[in-house]
N, C-alpha and C. Protein backbone atom coordinates (compact mmCIF):
# COMPACT_ATOMS: atom_id res chain seq x y z
N UNK A 1 -60.79 16.08 71.53
CA UNK A 1 -59.64 15.12 71.61
C UNK A 1 -59.07 14.84 70.30
N UNK A 2 -57.74 14.95 70.16
CA UNK A 2 -57.11 14.62 68.87
C UNK A 2 -57.22 13.11 68.64
N UNK A 3 -57.07 12.81 67.45
CA UNK A 3 -56.82 11.27 67.23
C UNK A 3 -55.72 10.69 67.89
N UNK A 4 -55.71 9.46 68.06
CA UNK A 4 -54.64 8.79 68.77
C UNK A 4 -53.32 8.79 67.98
N UNK A 5 -53.61 8.61 66.58
CA UNK A 5 -52.43 8.71 65.77
C UNK A 5 -52.22 9.99 65.15
N UNK A 6 -50.90 10.63 65.44
CA UNK A 6 -50.76 12.07 64.86
C UNK A 6 -49.46 12.09 64.07
N UNK A 7 -48.75 10.87 63.99
CA UNK A 7 -47.60 10.83 63.23
C UNK A 7 -47.66 9.82 62.20
N UNK A 8 -47.37 10.02 60.87
CA UNK A 8 -47.74 9.28 59.74
C UNK A 8 -46.34 9.08 59.01
N UNK A 9 -46.19 7.98 58.11
CA UNK A 9 -45.21 7.91 57.25
C UNK A 9 -45.76 8.27 55.86
N UNK A 10 -44.87 8.67 54.93
CA UNK A 10 -45.34 8.98 53.65
C UNK A 10 -46.17 7.88 52.97
N UNK A 11 -47.35 8.19 52.42
CA UNK A 11 -48.21 7.14 51.81
C UNK A 11 -49.28 6.56 52.72
N UNK A 12 -49.25 6.77 54.04
CA UNK A 12 -50.19 6.22 54.91
C UNK A 12 -51.60 6.97 54.88
N UNK A 13 -52.59 6.19 55.22
CA UNK A 13 -54.01 6.90 55.14
C UNK A 13 -54.18 7.42 56.57
N UNK A 14 -55.16 8.42 56.53
CA UNK A 14 -55.60 9.17 57.86
C UNK A 14 -56.45 8.17 58.65
N UNK A 15 -56.02 8.09 60.02
CA UNK A 15 -56.70 7.34 60.99
C UNK A 15 -57.30 8.21 61.98
N UNK A 16 -58.66 8.36 62.07
CA UNK A 16 -59.26 9.30 63.09
C UNK A 16 -59.63 8.54 64.33
N UNK A 17 -59.09 7.41 64.53
CA UNK A 17 -59.50 6.67 65.82
C UNK A 17 -59.14 7.54 67.04
N UNK A 18 -60.10 7.58 68.00
CA UNK A 18 -59.77 8.48 69.14
C UNK A 18 -60.29 9.92 69.12
N UNK A 19 -60.55 10.40 67.81
CA UNK A 19 -60.94 11.89 67.70
C UNK A 19 -62.35 11.89 68.29
N UNK A 20 -62.46 13.14 69.02
CA UNK A 20 -63.56 13.41 69.70
C UNK A 20 -63.91 14.93 69.43
N UNK A 21 -64.97 15.15 68.71
CA UNK A 21 -65.52 16.58 68.24
C UNK A 21 -66.65 16.98 69.01
N UNK A 22 -66.62 18.11 69.68
CA UNK A 22 -67.74 18.65 70.70
C UNK A 22 -68.40 19.84 69.86
N UNK A 23 -69.63 19.76 69.88
CA UNK A 23 -70.47 20.90 69.34
C UNK A 23 -70.88 21.85 70.48
N UNK A 24 -70.75 23.06 70.26
CA UNK A 24 -71.18 24.10 71.23
C UNK A 24 -72.34 24.92 70.74
N UNK A 25 -73.38 24.94 71.56
CA UNK A 25 -74.60 25.53 71.10
C UNK A 25 -74.86 26.87 71.69
N UNK A 26 -75.82 27.80 71.08
CA UNK A 26 -76.17 28.96 71.51
C UNK A 26 -76.74 29.07 72.92
N UNK A 27 -77.02 27.99 73.52
CA UNK A 27 -77.60 27.99 74.85
C UNK A 27 -76.46 27.64 75.80
N UNK A 28 -75.19 27.64 75.33
CA UNK A 28 -74.07 27.34 76.11
C UNK A 28 -73.93 25.76 76.43
N UNK A 29 -74.88 24.99 75.80
CA UNK A 29 -74.70 23.53 76.04
C UNK A 29 -73.75 22.95 74.91
N UNK A 30 -73.26 21.91 75.32
CA UNK A 30 -72.20 21.12 74.43
C UNK A 30 -72.69 19.70 74.34
N UNK A 31 -72.27 19.20 73.09
CA UNK A 31 -72.60 17.73 72.90
C UNK A 31 -71.52 17.06 71.98
N UNK A 32 -71.14 15.90 72.21
CA UNK A 32 -70.33 15.24 71.25
C UNK A 32 -70.92 14.93 70.06
N UNK A 33 -70.37 15.31 68.88
CA UNK A 33 -70.93 15.16 67.53
C UNK A 33 -70.57 13.67 67.17
N UNK A 34 -71.63 13.03 66.57
CA UNK A 34 -71.38 11.82 65.90
C UNK A 34 -70.45 11.85 64.66
N UNK A 35 -69.82 10.72 64.49
CA UNK A 35 -68.74 10.72 63.32
C UNK A 35 -69.26 11.30 62.02
N UNK A 36 -70.46 10.96 61.64
CA UNK A 36 -71.05 11.52 60.38
C UNK A 36 -71.53 12.88 60.24
N UNK A 37 -71.35 13.59 61.42
CA UNK A 37 -72.04 14.97 61.61
C UNK A 37 -70.98 16.03 61.15
N UNK A 38 -69.76 15.63 60.90
CA UNK A 38 -68.64 16.55 60.49
C UNK A 38 -67.85 16.07 59.39
N UNK A 39 -67.02 16.84 58.87
CA UNK A 39 -66.19 16.38 57.79
C UNK A 39 -64.73 16.76 58.05
N UNK A 40 -63.77 16.10 57.45
CA UNK A 40 -62.46 16.30 57.74
C UNK A 40 -61.62 16.48 56.46
N UNK A 41 -60.86 17.54 56.34
CA UNK A 41 -60.16 17.84 55.10
C UNK A 41 -58.69 18.28 55.46
N UNK A 42 -57.87 18.46 54.45
CA UNK A 42 -56.51 18.92 54.62
C UNK A 42 -55.37 17.90 54.93
N UNK A 43 -55.87 16.65 55.17
CA UNK A 43 -54.78 15.67 55.18
C UNK A 43 -54.15 15.29 54.07
N UNK A 44 -52.81 15.26 54.01
CA UNK A 44 -51.98 14.86 52.79
C UNK A 44 -50.69 14.17 53.24
N UNK A 45 -50.68 12.91 52.83
CA UNK A 45 -49.42 12.09 53.30
C UNK A 45 -48.56 11.86 52.14
N UNK A 46 -48.73 12.60 51.03
CA UNK A 46 -47.86 12.38 49.91
C UNK A 46 -46.37 12.97 50.06
N UNK A 47 -46.42 13.94 50.83
CA UNK A 47 -45.11 14.61 51.13
C UNK A 47 -44.89 14.75 52.65
N UNK A 48 -43.60 14.91 52.99
CA UNK A 48 -43.27 14.96 54.49
C UNK A 48 -43.55 16.51 54.92
N UNK A 49 -43.80 16.53 56.32
CA UNK A 49 -43.97 17.88 56.85
C UNK A 49 -45.08 17.91 57.94
N UNK A 50 -45.40 18.91 58.51
CA UNK A 50 -46.52 19.22 59.34
C UNK A 50 -47.79 19.61 58.69
N UNK A 51 -48.82 18.84 58.75
CA UNK A 51 -50.04 19.16 58.03
C UNK A 51 -51.28 19.52 59.01
N UNK A 52 -51.93 20.52 58.55
CA UNK A 52 -53.08 20.89 59.31
C UNK A 52 -54.33 20.32 58.84
N UNK A 53 -55.01 19.55 59.79
CA UNK A 53 -56.30 18.92 59.30
C UNK A 53 -57.46 19.75 60.01
N UNK A 54 -58.46 19.98 59.03
CA UNK A 54 -59.59 20.86 59.53
C UNK A 54 -60.80 20.12 59.71
N UNK A 55 -61.55 20.23 60.67
CA UNK A 55 -62.89 19.42 60.98
C UNK A 55 -63.91 20.49 60.83
N UNK A 56 -64.94 20.15 60.06
CA UNK A 56 -66.04 21.27 59.68
C UNK A 56 -67.38 20.64 59.98
N UNK A 57 -68.25 21.57 60.61
CA UNK A 57 -69.58 21.12 60.90
C UNK A 57 -70.47 22.35 60.79
N UNK A 58 -71.36 22.48 59.79
CA UNK A 58 -72.34 23.46 59.60
C UNK A 58 -71.68 24.96 59.65
N UNK A 59 -70.55 25.05 58.86
CA UNK A 59 -69.75 26.12 58.71
C UNK A 59 -68.80 26.48 59.74
N UNK A 60 -68.82 25.73 60.91
CA UNK A 60 -67.95 25.90 61.91
C UNK A 60 -66.71 24.89 61.76
N UNK A 61 -65.64 25.42 62.15
CA UNK A 61 -64.36 24.59 62.05
C UNK A 61 -63.58 24.57 63.31
N UNK A 62 -62.78 23.60 63.34
CA UNK A 62 -61.72 23.39 64.35
C UNK A 62 -60.52 22.59 63.73
N UNK A 63 -59.46 22.61 64.19
CA UNK A 63 -58.23 22.13 63.51
C UNK A 63 -57.28 21.40 64.45
N UNK A 64 -56.59 20.40 63.91
CA UNK A 64 -55.50 19.75 64.68
C UNK A 64 -54.42 19.51 63.71
N UNK A 65 -53.27 19.19 64.28
CA UNK A 65 -52.01 19.11 63.35
C UNK A 65 -51.58 17.59 63.47
N UNK A 66 -51.07 17.15 62.32
CA UNK A 66 -50.37 15.87 62.31
C UNK A 66 -49.05 16.00 61.50
N UNK A 67 -48.20 15.08 61.73
CA UNK A 67 -46.91 15.21 61.11
C UNK A 67 -46.63 14.01 60.07
N UNK A 68 -46.08 14.21 59.03
CA UNK A 68 -45.83 13.21 58.10
C UNK A 68 -44.29 13.01 57.86
N UNK A 69 -43.72 11.81 58.07
CA UNK A 69 -42.30 11.77 57.96
C UNK A 69 -42.04 10.69 56.86
N UNK A 70 -40.74 10.51 56.41
CA UNK A 70 -40.18 9.73 55.46
C UNK A 70 -40.36 8.23 55.89
N UNK A 71 -40.71 7.53 55.05
CA UNK A 71 -41.00 6.00 55.36
C UNK A 71 -39.85 5.29 55.71
N UNK A 72 -39.92 4.77 56.95
CA UNK A 72 -38.74 4.08 57.47
C UNK A 72 -38.67 2.71 56.74
N UNK A 73 -37.38 2.39 56.21
CA UNK A 73 -37.22 1.19 55.57
C UNK A 73 -36.46 0.19 56.51
N UNK A 74 -37.11 -0.79 56.97
CA UNK A 74 -36.30 -1.58 58.04
C UNK A 74 -35.06 -2.34 57.29
N UNK A 75 -34.08 -2.49 58.19
CA UNK A 75 -32.83 -3.14 57.51
C UNK A 75 -33.14 -4.65 57.46
N UNK A 76 -32.68 -5.17 56.39
CA UNK A 76 -32.88 -6.65 56.07
C UNK A 76 -31.56 -7.33 56.34
N UNK A 77 -31.66 -8.56 56.84
CA UNK A 77 -30.43 -9.47 57.05
C UNK A 77 -30.35 -10.45 56.18
N UNK A 78 -29.15 -10.54 55.31
CA UNK A 78 -28.98 -11.55 54.32
C UNK A 78 -28.88 -12.89 54.98
N UNK A 79 -29.67 -13.88 54.49
CA UNK A 79 -29.63 -15.23 55.04
C UNK A 79 -28.99 -16.29 54.18
N UNK A 80 -28.98 -15.81 52.85
CA UNK A 80 -28.34 -16.77 51.93
C UNK A 80 -28.20 -16.21 50.57
N UNK A 81 -27.41 -16.80 49.67
CA UNK A 81 -27.49 -16.48 48.29
C UNK A 81 -27.58 -17.62 47.38
N UNK A 82 -27.95 -17.30 46.20
CA UNK A 82 -28.21 -18.46 45.18
C UNK A 82 -27.72 -18.06 43.86
N UNK A 83 -27.16 -19.01 43.12
CA UNK A 83 -26.74 -18.84 41.76
C UNK A 83 -27.98 -18.86 40.87
N UNK A 84 -28.66 -17.89 40.45
CA UNK A 84 -29.71 -17.96 39.46
C UNK A 84 -29.45 -18.47 38.19
N UNK A 85 -28.19 -17.90 37.71
CA UNK A 85 -27.61 -18.24 36.29
C UNK A 85 -26.25 -18.42 36.32
N UNK A 86 -25.71 -19.39 35.86
CA UNK A 86 -24.30 -19.45 35.60
C UNK A 86 -23.70 -18.67 34.54
N UNK A 87 -22.49 -18.33 34.71
CA UNK A 87 -21.78 -17.52 33.65
C UNK A 87 -22.07 -18.38 32.26
N UNK A 88 -22.03 -17.46 31.25
CA UNK A 88 -22.23 -18.00 29.88
C UNK A 88 -21.11 -18.99 29.58
N UNK A 89 -19.88 -18.66 29.86
CA UNK A 89 -18.73 -19.53 29.58
C UNK A 89 -18.45 -20.43 30.80
N UNK A 90 -18.55 -21.60 30.66
CA UNK A 90 -18.23 -22.64 31.67
C UNK A 90 -17.09 -23.66 31.23
N UNK A 91 -16.58 -23.51 30.06
CA UNK A 91 -15.45 -24.34 29.60
C UNK A 91 -14.21 -23.51 29.20
N UNK A 92 -13.08 -23.83 29.61
CA UNK A 92 -11.97 -23.00 29.48
C UNK A 92 -10.77 -23.84 28.93
N UNK A 93 -9.79 -23.24 28.20
CA UNK A 93 -8.53 -24.02 27.87
C UNK A 93 -7.59 -23.49 29.02
N UNK A 94 -6.52 -24.33 29.16
CA UNK A 94 -5.50 -24.03 30.20
C UNK A 94 -4.91 -22.63 29.97
N UNK A 95 -4.82 -21.81 31.02
CA UNK A 95 -4.23 -20.54 30.95
C UNK A 95 -5.28 -19.28 30.70
N UNK A 96 -6.46 -19.77 30.37
CA UNK A 96 -7.52 -18.65 30.15
C UNK A 96 -7.93 -17.93 31.45
N UNK A 97 -8.48 -16.69 31.18
CA UNK A 97 -8.85 -15.91 32.40
C UNK A 97 -10.51 -16.23 32.62
N UNK A 98 -10.86 -16.02 33.93
CA UNK A 98 -12.28 -16.17 34.11
C UNK A 98 -13.06 -15.06 33.63
N UNK A 99 -14.28 -15.60 33.02
CA UNK A 99 -15.24 -14.69 32.47
C UNK A 99 -16.60 -14.84 33.02
N UNK A 100 -16.94 -13.92 33.83
CA UNK A 100 -18.28 -13.91 34.67
C UNK A 100 -19.47 -13.42 33.82
N UNK A 101 -19.31 -13.10 32.53
CA UNK A 101 -20.42 -12.59 31.76
C UNK A 101 -21.59 -13.55 31.85
N UNK A 102 -22.81 -12.96 32.28
CA UNK A 102 -23.93 -13.81 32.40
C UNK A 102 -24.30 -14.28 33.77
N UNK A 103 -23.41 -14.13 34.65
CA UNK A 103 -23.64 -14.65 35.99
C UNK A 103 -24.69 -13.76 36.69
N UNK A 104 -25.77 -14.45 37.40
CA UNK A 104 -26.73 -13.75 38.11
C UNK A 104 -26.80 -14.42 39.50
N UNK A 105 -26.51 -13.60 40.54
CA UNK A 105 -26.53 -13.91 41.92
C UNK A 105 -27.62 -13.29 42.65
N UNK A 106 -28.48 -13.99 43.37
CA UNK A 106 -29.60 -13.48 44.18
C UNK A 106 -29.40 -13.66 45.57
N UNK A 107 -29.76 -12.49 46.34
CA UNK A 107 -29.58 -12.46 47.84
C UNK A 107 -30.99 -12.89 48.37
N UNK A 108 -30.94 -13.66 49.39
CA UNK A 108 -32.15 -14.16 50.10
C UNK A 108 -32.07 -13.46 51.52
N UNK A 109 -33.13 -12.73 51.82
CA UNK A 109 -33.21 -12.04 53.18
C UNK A 109 -34.13 -12.62 54.20
N UNK A 110 -34.06 -12.05 55.44
CA UNK A 110 -34.83 -12.62 56.63
C UNK A 110 -36.32 -12.39 56.41
N UNK A 111 -36.68 -11.42 55.67
CA UNK A 111 -38.08 -11.13 55.50
C UNK A 111 -38.68 -11.90 54.23
N UNK A 112 -37.94 -12.90 53.81
CA UNK A 112 -38.44 -13.81 52.78
C UNK A 112 -38.23 -13.08 51.32
N UNK A 113 -37.75 -11.84 51.37
CA UNK A 113 -37.60 -11.15 50.09
C UNK A 113 -36.29 -11.65 49.24
N UNK A 114 -36.26 -11.35 48.08
CA UNK A 114 -35.08 -11.81 47.28
C UNK A 114 -34.71 -10.56 46.35
N UNK A 115 -33.45 -10.34 46.14
CA UNK A 115 -33.03 -9.30 45.26
C UNK A 115 -31.75 -9.76 44.47
N UNK A 116 -31.63 -9.52 43.20
CA UNK A 116 -30.27 -9.63 42.51
C UNK A 116 -29.24 -8.78 42.93
N UNK A 117 -28.10 -9.37 43.22
CA UNK A 117 -27.01 -8.68 43.79
C UNK A 117 -26.21 -8.04 42.75
N UNK A 118 -25.77 -6.78 42.83
CA UNK A 118 -24.91 -6.05 41.92
C UNK A 118 -23.52 -6.75 41.96
N UNK A 119 -22.83 -6.64 40.82
CA UNK A 119 -21.55 -7.25 40.67
C UNK A 119 -20.56 -6.98 41.76
N UNK A 120 -20.53 -5.78 42.30
CA UNK A 120 -19.67 -5.47 43.41
C UNK A 120 -19.89 -5.91 44.77
N UNK A 121 -21.05 -6.60 44.85
CA UNK A 121 -21.53 -6.88 46.18
C UNK A 121 -21.04 -8.29 46.67
N UNK A 122 -20.36 -9.11 45.72
CA UNK A 122 -20.00 -10.35 46.16
C UNK A 122 -18.53 -10.61 45.54
N UNK A 123 -17.76 -11.64 46.01
CA UNK A 123 -16.70 -11.94 45.55
C UNK A 123 -16.42 -13.32 45.05
N UNK A 124 -15.50 -13.61 44.18
CA UNK A 124 -15.55 -14.92 43.43
C UNK A 124 -14.17 -15.58 43.64
N UNK A 125 -14.00 -16.70 44.11
CA UNK A 125 -12.68 -17.43 44.40
C UNK A 125 -12.77 -18.90 43.97
N UNK A 126 -11.62 -19.50 43.78
CA UNK A 126 -11.50 -20.94 43.53
C UNK A 126 -11.24 -21.19 42.05
N UNK A 127 -11.18 -20.12 41.17
CA UNK A 127 -10.87 -20.42 39.71
C UNK A 127 -9.41 -20.71 39.51
N UNK A 128 -9.19 -21.60 38.81
CA UNK A 128 -7.69 -22.08 38.55
C UNK A 128 -7.58 -22.63 37.12
N UNK A 129 -7.04 -22.09 36.14
CA UNK A 129 -6.94 -22.60 34.84
C UNK A 129 -5.50 -22.96 34.51
N UNK A 130 -4.64 -23.15 35.42
CA UNK A 130 -3.23 -23.52 35.33
C UNK A 130 -3.25 -25.11 35.08
N UNK A 131 -4.24 -25.87 35.52
CA UNK A 131 -4.24 -27.20 35.23
C UNK A 131 -5.69 -27.66 34.78
N UNK A 132 -5.61 -28.83 34.17
CA UNK A 132 -6.91 -29.34 33.64
C UNK A 132 -7.82 -29.93 34.60
N UNK A 133 -9.09 -30.08 34.37
CA UNK A 133 -10.09 -30.72 35.25
C UNK A 133 -11.31 -29.79 35.58
N UNK A 134 -12.17 -30.33 36.47
CA UNK A 134 -13.42 -29.71 36.81
C UNK A 134 -12.97 -28.88 38.02
N UNK A 135 -13.28 -27.52 38.01
CA UNK A 135 -12.97 -26.70 39.21
C UNK A 135 -14.30 -26.06 39.74
N UNK A 136 -14.26 -25.97 41.07
CA UNK A 136 -15.44 -25.39 41.82
C UNK A 136 -15.06 -24.00 42.11
N UNK A 137 -16.01 -23.14 41.54
CA UNK A 137 -15.89 -21.61 41.92
C UNK A 137 -16.92 -21.20 42.92
N UNK A 138 -16.41 -20.40 43.98
CA UNK A 138 -17.27 -20.11 45.02
C UNK A 138 -17.50 -18.62 44.96
N UNK A 139 -18.75 -18.15 45.12
CA UNK A 139 -19.33 -16.87 45.22
C UNK A 139 -19.63 -16.59 46.67
N UNK A 140 -19.18 -15.49 47.30
CA UNK A 140 -19.49 -15.05 48.63
C UNK A 140 -19.98 -13.72 48.76
N UNK A 141 -20.92 -13.56 49.81
CA UNK A 141 -21.37 -12.25 50.14
C UNK A 141 -21.83 -12.39 51.55
N UNK A 142 -21.22 -11.45 52.42
CA UNK A 142 -21.59 -11.34 53.77
C UNK A 142 -21.55 -12.62 54.45
N UNK A 143 -20.57 -13.37 54.18
CA UNK A 143 -20.33 -14.79 54.91
C UNK A 143 -21.29 -15.92 54.21
N UNK A 144 -22.02 -15.58 53.29
CA UNK A 144 -22.91 -16.65 52.71
C UNK A 144 -22.27 -17.00 51.45
N UNK A 145 -22.33 -18.27 51.04
CA UNK A 145 -21.64 -18.84 49.68
C UNK A 145 -22.74 -19.54 48.92
N UNK A 146 -22.29 -19.60 47.67
CA UNK A 146 -22.86 -20.48 46.62
C UNK A 146 -21.87 -20.79 45.62
N UNK A 147 -22.05 -22.03 44.90
CA UNK A 147 -20.78 -22.42 43.97
C UNK A 147 -21.51 -22.89 42.71
N UNK A 148 -20.54 -22.86 41.70
CA UNK A 148 -20.76 -23.39 40.43
C UNK A 148 -19.62 -24.00 39.92
N UNK A 149 -19.60 -25.00 38.83
CA UNK A 149 -18.50 -25.60 38.42
C UNK A 149 -18.24 -25.13 36.91
N UNK A 150 -16.78 -25.18 36.59
CA UNK A 150 -16.22 -24.88 35.37
C UNK A 150 -15.31 -26.05 35.09
N UNK A 151 -15.04 -26.18 33.57
CA UNK A 151 -14.12 -27.26 33.27
C UNK A 151 -12.91 -26.65 32.54
N UNK A 152 -11.65 -27.03 32.80
CA UNK A 152 -10.63 -26.61 32.21
C UNK A 152 -10.00 -27.65 31.34
N UNK A 153 -9.82 -27.50 30.02
CA UNK A 153 -9.32 -28.48 29.04
C UNK A 153 -7.90 -27.97 28.55
N UNK A 154 -7.18 -29.06 27.86
CA UNK A 154 -6.00 -28.67 27.33
C UNK A 154 -6.10 -27.81 26.24
N UNK A 155 -5.11 -26.91 25.96
CA UNK A 155 -5.21 -25.85 24.99
C UNK A 155 -5.12 -26.56 23.54
N UNK A 156 -5.96 -26.15 22.73
CA UNK A 156 -6.05 -26.73 21.36
C UNK A 156 -4.82 -26.51 20.59
N UNK A 157 -4.21 -25.22 20.88
CA UNK A 157 -3.04 -24.81 19.99
C UNK A 157 -1.78 -25.75 20.31
N UNK A 158 -1.74 -26.27 21.77
CA UNK A 158 -0.54 -27.14 22.02
C UNK A 158 -0.72 -28.33 21.40
N UNK A 159 -1.79 -28.90 21.30
CA UNK A 159 -1.92 -30.09 20.55
C UNK A 159 -1.64 -30.09 19.07
N UNK A 160 -1.96 -28.97 18.49
CA UNK A 160 -1.67 -28.80 17.07
C UNK A 160 -0.24 -28.60 16.78
N UNK A 161 0.51 -27.99 17.77
CA UNK A 161 1.85 -27.82 17.67
C UNK A 161 2.65 -29.11 17.71
N UNK A 162 2.03 -30.15 18.65
CA UNK A 162 2.82 -31.41 18.55
C UNK A 162 2.60 -32.25 17.34
N UNK A 163 1.34 -32.11 16.76
CA UNK A 163 1.01 -32.73 15.53
C UNK A 163 1.91 -32.09 14.42
N UNK A 164 2.00 -30.87 14.41
CA UNK A 164 2.87 -30.19 13.34
C UNK A 164 4.24 -30.66 13.42
N UNK A 165 4.74 -30.74 14.70
CA UNK A 165 6.16 -31.22 14.90
C UNK A 165 6.35 -32.63 14.34
N UNK A 166 5.40 -33.46 14.56
CA UNK A 166 5.64 -34.87 14.14
C UNK A 166 5.44 -34.83 12.57
N UNK A 167 4.67 -34.06 12.09
CA UNK A 167 4.62 -34.04 10.46
C UNK A 167 5.86 -33.49 9.91
N UNK A 168 6.49 -32.57 10.63
CA UNK A 168 7.72 -32.04 10.13
C UNK A 168 8.83 -32.87 9.99
N UNK A 169 8.80 -33.74 10.99
CA UNK A 169 9.87 -34.67 11.14
C UNK A 169 9.91 -35.90 10.12
N UNK A 170 8.73 -36.38 9.70
CA UNK A 170 8.58 -37.49 8.79
C UNK A 170 9.28 -37.51 7.53
N UNK A 171 9.29 -36.38 6.77
CA UNK A 171 9.89 -36.30 5.50
C UNK A 171 11.32 -36.32 5.44
N UNK A 172 12.02 -36.40 6.70
CA UNK A 172 13.56 -36.43 6.59
C UNK A 172 14.08 -37.69 6.12
N UNK A 173 13.43 -38.78 6.17
CA UNK A 173 13.85 -40.14 5.65
C UNK A 173 14.03 -39.96 4.13
N UNK A 174 13.09 -39.39 3.47
CA UNK A 174 13.19 -39.17 2.02
C UNK A 174 14.26 -38.37 1.60
N UNK A 175 14.39 -37.17 2.32
CA UNK A 175 15.32 -36.25 2.08
C UNK A 175 16.83 -36.75 2.13
N UNK A 176 17.03 -37.73 3.11
CA UNK A 176 18.37 -38.31 3.34
C UNK A 176 18.85 -39.28 2.08
N UNK A 177 17.70 -39.74 1.42
CA UNK A 177 18.12 -40.73 0.34
C UNK A 177 18.41 -40.02 -1.04
N UNK A 178 18.10 -38.66 -1.10
CA UNK A 178 18.40 -37.88 -2.28
C UNK A 178 19.97 -37.75 -2.56
N UNK A 179 20.75 -37.40 -1.65
CA UNK A 179 22.26 -37.44 -2.03
C UNK A 179 22.84 -38.70 -2.47
N UNK A 180 22.34 -39.81 -1.78
CA UNK A 180 22.69 -41.24 -2.29
C UNK A 180 22.50 -41.44 -3.83
N UNK A 181 21.15 -41.09 -4.05
CA UNK A 181 20.73 -41.30 -5.36
C UNK A 181 21.48 -40.44 -6.45
N UNK A 182 21.86 -39.26 -5.92
CA UNK A 182 22.67 -38.26 -6.87
C UNK A 182 23.94 -38.94 -7.10
N UNK A 183 24.59 -39.35 -6.02
CA UNK A 183 26.00 -39.98 -6.22
C UNK A 183 25.91 -41.25 -7.19
N UNK A 184 24.95 -42.11 -7.03
CA UNK A 184 24.89 -43.23 -7.84
C UNK A 184 24.65 -42.89 -9.38
N UNK A 185 23.86 -41.74 -9.66
CA UNK A 185 23.65 -41.33 -11.06
C UNK A 185 24.85 -40.74 -11.66
N UNK A 186 25.75 -40.17 -10.68
CA UNK A 186 26.91 -39.43 -11.08
C UNK A 186 27.97 -40.57 -11.43
N UNK A 187 27.95 -41.65 -10.67
CA UNK A 187 28.97 -42.72 -10.99
C UNK A 187 28.59 -43.46 -12.18
N UNK A 188 27.20 -43.70 -12.45
CA UNK A 188 26.87 -44.25 -13.72
C UNK A 188 27.30 -43.34 -14.90
N UNK A 189 26.97 -42.14 -14.79
CA UNK A 189 27.39 -41.11 -15.90
C UNK A 189 28.85 -41.26 -16.16
N UNK A 190 29.60 -41.23 -15.07
CA UNK A 190 31.16 -41.25 -15.31
C UNK A 190 31.63 -42.55 -15.93
N UNK A 191 30.90 -43.68 -15.52
CA UNK A 191 31.33 -45.00 -16.20
C UNK A 191 31.04 -44.99 -17.66
N UNK A 192 29.93 -44.45 -18.06
CA UNK A 192 29.44 -44.24 -19.45
C UNK A 192 30.43 -43.60 -20.27
N UNK A 193 30.89 -42.35 -19.65
CA UNK A 193 31.81 -41.33 -20.38
C UNK A 193 33.18 -42.23 -20.60
N UNK A 194 33.65 -42.88 -19.53
CA UNK A 194 34.86 -43.79 -19.65
C UNK A 194 34.83 -44.72 -20.71
N UNK A 195 33.75 -45.44 -20.67
CA UNK A 195 33.62 -46.53 -21.66
C UNK A 195 33.52 -45.88 -23.10
N UNK A 196 32.87 -44.88 -23.14
CA UNK A 196 32.71 -44.17 -24.44
C UNK A 196 34.00 -43.62 -25.09
N UNK A 197 34.90 -43.20 -24.13
CA UNK A 197 36.23 -42.82 -24.50
C UNK A 197 37.09 -43.88 -24.99
N UNK A 198 36.97 -45.01 -24.29
CA UNK A 198 37.77 -46.14 -24.80
C UNK A 198 37.31 -46.71 -26.04
N UNK A 199 36.13 -46.81 -26.29
CA UNK A 199 35.64 -47.25 -27.68
C UNK A 199 36.03 -46.30 -28.68
N UNK A 200 36.11 -45.01 -28.46
CA UNK A 200 36.49 -43.91 -29.47
C UNK A 200 37.91 -44.20 -29.82
N UNK A 201 38.84 -44.49 -28.72
CA UNK A 201 40.16 -44.59 -29.00
C UNK A 201 40.45 -45.83 -30.01
N UNK A 202 39.80 -46.89 -29.51
CA UNK A 202 39.91 -48.23 -30.18
C UNK A 202 39.49 -48.04 -31.61
N UNK A 203 38.43 -47.34 -31.80
CA UNK A 203 37.95 -47.29 -33.13
C UNK A 203 38.87 -46.58 -33.98
N UNK A 204 39.54 -45.44 -33.52
CA UNK A 204 40.41 -44.62 -34.41
C UNK A 204 41.63 -45.24 -34.45
N UNK A 205 42.14 -46.23 -33.61
CA UNK A 205 43.52 -46.86 -33.77
C UNK A 205 43.32 -48.04 -34.72
């Protein structure tokens, strides 16, 4: 009688449960051989295919066949996702684009196993850098979600432009006084010339 188990997956060990080996003697009698009275060779589950297993006892042999198949990997169901590591960049200026460098998302399955999800396995929504404030970004995969927060601040360049504009306007008061000072100096110089001419004429007359 062959063993109960005759189909195996790659990597499984031989199971001889149910194997019955009978010895036939020269007087035509028969007897079931105990397990230790024979040896079994030829089993190999490292590769797929039909394998011939040989049972040997005192130089006599008998054979049976088993089949080795590829290991079946059961399908797992995703039960949740988790943000293992937030992106490196969590602070943005108004108008900047989202940078997911450093983000690590892990999938949790119904067999309690976990695996890091590749970048294309999930989607990201909720990022908005048009306005300032704390924004919640949602990561989704097969209906499961996880979230992380980022902060959007005012652009540093816009603040410096306002400061530069204010600085550029302040010197205008001093600039407006320059023409007045020039006119006063010109008038004084003209008066001195006129006075000088009058004294010159008076002296020579």
